[in-house]
C-alpha atoms as a PDB file:
ATOM      1  CA  MET A   1      20.546 -21.081   2.649  1.00  0.00           C
ATOM      2  CA  LYS A   2      18.130 -20.185   5.445  1.00  0.00           C
ATOM      3  CA  LEU A   3      17.089 -16.589   6.035  1.00  0.00           C
ATOM      4  CA  THR A   4      15.157 -15.476   9.070  1.00  0.00           C
ATOM      5  CA  ASP A   5      14.080 -12.059  10.212  1.00  0.00           C
ATOM      6  CA  ARG A   6      11.254 -10.274  11.935  1.00  0.00           C
ATOM      7  CA  THR A   7       9.644  -7.057  10.775  1.00  0.00           C
ATOM      8  CA  ILE A   8       6.999  -4.937  12.467  1.00  0.00           C
ATOM      9  CA  LEU A   9       4.271  -3.890  10.038  1.00  0.00           C
ATOM     10  CA  PRO A  10       2.292  -0.777  11.069  1.00  0.00           C
ATOM     11  CA  VAL A  11      -1.062  -2.371  10.193  1.00  0.00           C
ATOM     12  CA  PRO A  12      -3.439  -4.912  11.787  1.00  0.00           C
ATOM     13  CA  ALA A  13      -2.929  -8.592  10.857  1.00  0.00           C
ATOM     14  CA  GLU A  14      -5.948  -8.677   8.521  1.00  0.00           C
ATOM     15  CA  ALA A  15      -4.549  -5.764   6.460  1.00  0.00           C
ATOM     16  CA  ALA A  16      -1.106  -7.401   6.367  1.00  0.00           C
ATOM     17  CA  TRP A  17      -2.701 -10.665   5.203  1.00  0.00           C
ATOM     18  CA  ARG A  18      -4.572  -8.895   2.382  1.00  0.00           C
ATOM     19  CA  ALA A  19      -1.361  -7.142   1.268  1.00  0.00           C
ATOM     20  CA  LEU A  20       0.649 -10.378   1.331  1.00  0.00           C
ATOM     21  CA  ASN A  21      -1.911 -11.916  -1.011  1.00  0.00           C
ATOM     22  CA  ASP A  22      -2.167  -8.936  -3.383  1.00  0.00           C
ATOM     23  CA  PRO A  23      -0.021  -9.452  -6.520  1.00  0.00           C
ATOM     24  CA  VAL A  24       0.484  -5.693  -6.981  1.00  0.00           C
ATOM     25  CA  VAL A  25       1.806  -5.260  -3.414  1.00  0.00           C
ATOM     26  CA  LEU A  26       3.934  -8.417  -3.636  1.00  0.00           C
ATOM     27  CA  GLU A  27       5.459  -7.417  -6.967  1.00  0.00           C
ATOM     28  CA  ALA A  28       6.432  -4.012  -5.562  1.00  0.00           C
ATOM     29  CA  SER A  29       7.909  -5.457  -2.363  1.00  0.00           C
ATOM     30  CA  LEU A  30       9.837  -8.519  -3.602  1.00  0.00           C
ATOM     31  CA  PRO A  31      13.439  -7.659  -4.506  1.00  0.00           C
ATOM     32  CA  GLY A  32      14.105  -8.191  -8.201  1.00  0.00           C
ATOM     33  CA  CYS A  33      10.481  -9.013  -9.027  1.00  0.00           C
ATOM     34  CA  LYS A  34       9.693  -7.774 -12.541  1.00  0.00           C
ATOM     35  CA  ALA A  35       6.218  -9.309 -12.872  1.00  0.00           C
ATOM     36  CA  LEU A  36       3.783 -11.285 -10.736  1.00  0.00           C
ATOM     37  CA  LYS A  37       0.513 -12.633 -12.098  1.00  0.00           C
ATOM     38  CA  ARG A  38      -2.152 -14.457 -10.076  1.00  0.00           C
ATOM     39  CA  LEU A  39      -3.334 -17.608 -11.830  1.00  0.00           C
ATOM     40  CA  ASP A  40      -5.858 -18.626  -9.146  1.00  0.00           C
ATOM     41  CA  ASP A  41      -6.221 -18.370  -5.350  1.00  0.00           C
ATOM     42  CA  LEU A  42      -3.113 -20.480  -4.703  1.00  0.00           C
ATOM     43  CA  HIS A  43      -0.888 -20.031  -7.768  1.00  0.00           C
ATOM     44  CA  PHE A  44       1.153 -17.214  -9.274  1.00  0.00           C
ATOM     45  CA  GLU A  45       3.553 -16.837 -12.176  1.00  0.00           C
ATOM     46  CA  SER A  46       6.573 -14.627 -11.555  1.00  0.00           C
ATOM     47  CA  THR A  47       9.559 -13.110 -13.313  1.00  0.00           C
ATOM     48  CA  VAL A  48      12.438 -12.298 -10.962  1.00  0.00           C
ATOM     49  CA  GLN A  49      15.847 -10.894 -11.794  1.00  0.00           C
ATOM     50  CA  ILE A  50      18.759 -11.561  -9.443  1.00  0.00           C
ATOM     51  CA  ARG A  51      22.327 -10.309  -9.489  1.00  0.00           C
ATOM     52  CA  VAL A  52      25.375 -12.159  -8.243  1.00  0.00           C
ATOM     53  CA  GLY A  53      28.411  -9.959  -8.734  1.00  0.00           C
ATOM     54  CA  PRO A  54      28.577  -8.904 -12.389  1.00  0.00           C
ATOM     55  CA  MET A  55      26.096 -11.581 -13.515  1.00  0.00           C
ATOM     56  CA  ALA A  56      22.341 -11.137 -13.733  1.00  0.00           C
ATOM     57  CA  ALA A  57      19.797 -13.869 -14.326  1.00  0.00           C
ATOM     58  CA  THR A  58      16.066 -13.666 -14.938  1.00  0.00           C
ATOM     59  CA  PHE A  59      13.990 -16.520 -13.545  1.00  0.00           C
ATOM     60  CA  LYS A  60      10.526 -17.367 -14.776  1.00  0.00           C
ATOM     61  CA  SER A  61       8.860 -19.310 -12.013  1.00  0.00           C
ATOM     62  CA  ASN A  62       5.676 -20.837 -10.707  1.00  0.00           C
ATOM     63  CA  VAL A  63       4.723 -19.947  -7.147  1.00  0.00           C
ATOM     64  CA  GLU A  64       2.286 -21.834  -4.921  1.00  0.00           C
ATOM     65  CA  LEU A  65       0.721 -20.911  -1.577  1.00  0.00           C
ATOM     66  CA  SER A  66       0.004 -23.753   0.853  1.00  0.00           C
ATOM     67  CA  ASP A  67      -0.679 -24.407   4.549  1.00  0.00           C
ATOM     68  CA  LEU A  68      -2.983 -21.381   4.611  1.00  0.00           C
ATOM     69  CA  ASP A  69      -4.058 -20.268   8.088  1.00  0.00           C
ATOM     70  CA  PRO A  70      -5.638 -16.823   7.495  1.00  0.00           C
ATOM     71  CA  PRO A  71      -4.694 -14.280   8.763  1.00  0.00           C
ATOM     72  CA  ARG A  72      -1.813 -15.952  10.618  1.00  0.00           C
ATOM     73  CA  ALA A  73       0.412 -17.960   8.282  1.00  0.00           C
ATOM     74  CA  TYR A  74       1.106 -19.658   4.987  1.00  0.00           C
ATOM     75  CA  THR A  75       3.912 -21.303   3.055  1.00  0.00           C
ATOM     76  CA  ILE A  76       5.033 -19.909  -0.286  1.00  0.00           C
ATOM     77  CA  SER A  77       7.017 -22.176  -2.611  1.00  0.00           C
ATOM     78  CA  GLY A  78       8.501 -21.478  -5.995  1.00  0.00           C
ATOM     79  CA  MET A  79      10.815 -22.944  -8.587  1.00  0.00           C
ATOM     80  CA  GLY A  80      12.433 -21.121 -11.462  1.00  0.00           C
ATOM     81  CA  ARG A  81      14.805 -22.019 -14.284  1.00  0.00           C
ATOM     82  CA  VAL A  82      17.312 -19.974 -16.268  1.00  0.00           C
ATOM     83  CA  GLY A  83      18.359 -22.343 -19.018  1.00  0.00           C
ATOM     84  CA  ALA A  84      22.059 -23.243 -18.770  1.00  0.00           C
ATOM     85  CA  LEU A  85      22.564 -21.083 -15.659  1.00  0.00           C
ATOM     86  CA  GLY A  86      20.506 -23.478 -13.563  1.00  0.00           C
ATOM     87  CA  PHE A  87      17.512 -23.214 -11.311  1.00  0.00           C
ATOM     88  CA  ALA A  88      16.360 -21.940  -7.941  1.00  0.00           C
ATOM     89  CA  ASN A  89      13.922 -23.401  -5.412  1.00  0.00           C
ATOM     90  CA  VAL A  90      12.444 -21.249  -2.671  1.00  0.00           C
ATOM     91  CA  THR A  91      10.224 -22.233   0.243  1.00  0.00           C
ATOM     92  CA  GLU A  92       9.310 -19.648   2.843  1.00  0.00           C
ATOM     93  CA  HIS A  93       6.966 -19.990   5.787  1.00  0.00           C
ATOM     94  CA  LEU A  94       5.389 -16.641   6.648  1.00  0.00           C
ATOM     95  CA  GLN A  95       3.870 -16.029  10.049  1.00  0.00           C
ATOM     96  CA  LEU A  96       1.891 -13.010  11.156  1.00  0.00           C
ATOM     97  CA  GLU A  97       1.471 -12.207  14.838  1.00  0.00           C
ATOM     98  CA  ALA A  98      -1.091  -9.541  15.716  1.00  0.00           C
ATOM     99  CA  GLN A  99       0.055  -7.012  18.314  1.00  0.00           C
ATOM    100  CA  GLY A 100      -2.732  -4.456  18.649  1.00  0.00           C
ATOM    101  CA  ASN A 101      -2.710  -2.271  15.542  1.00  0.00           C
ATOM    102  CA  THR A 102       0.644  -3.652  14.372  1.00  0.00           C
ATOM    103  CA  THR A 103       1.713  -7.049  13.078  1.00  0.00           C
ATOM    104  CA  VAL A 104       4.964  -8.958  13.457  1.00  0.00           C
ATOM    105  CA  LEU A 105       5.928 -10.627  10.180  1.00  0.00           C
END
């Protein structure tokens, strides 16, 4: 599955970059995220709950940031497992484009 979208953030690119690297902000903004802990500058541990119809699954995953180009872009990759229900892999390339006092994500 490939998801693409653009969002205008009402802050300069540097502020958006700081927020996108702040575990507290990320935890609050990621759908289904129950916990996000920074392990070091490039690695996080997360707990995410997803729902598909009547079923819910909680994934414990490791997340890694790569291809860092502050404050313009990075790649975030993660893999989580839910025992017999399976696993999920996610790779997302985030780009920030400064437009005055706003930023296109």
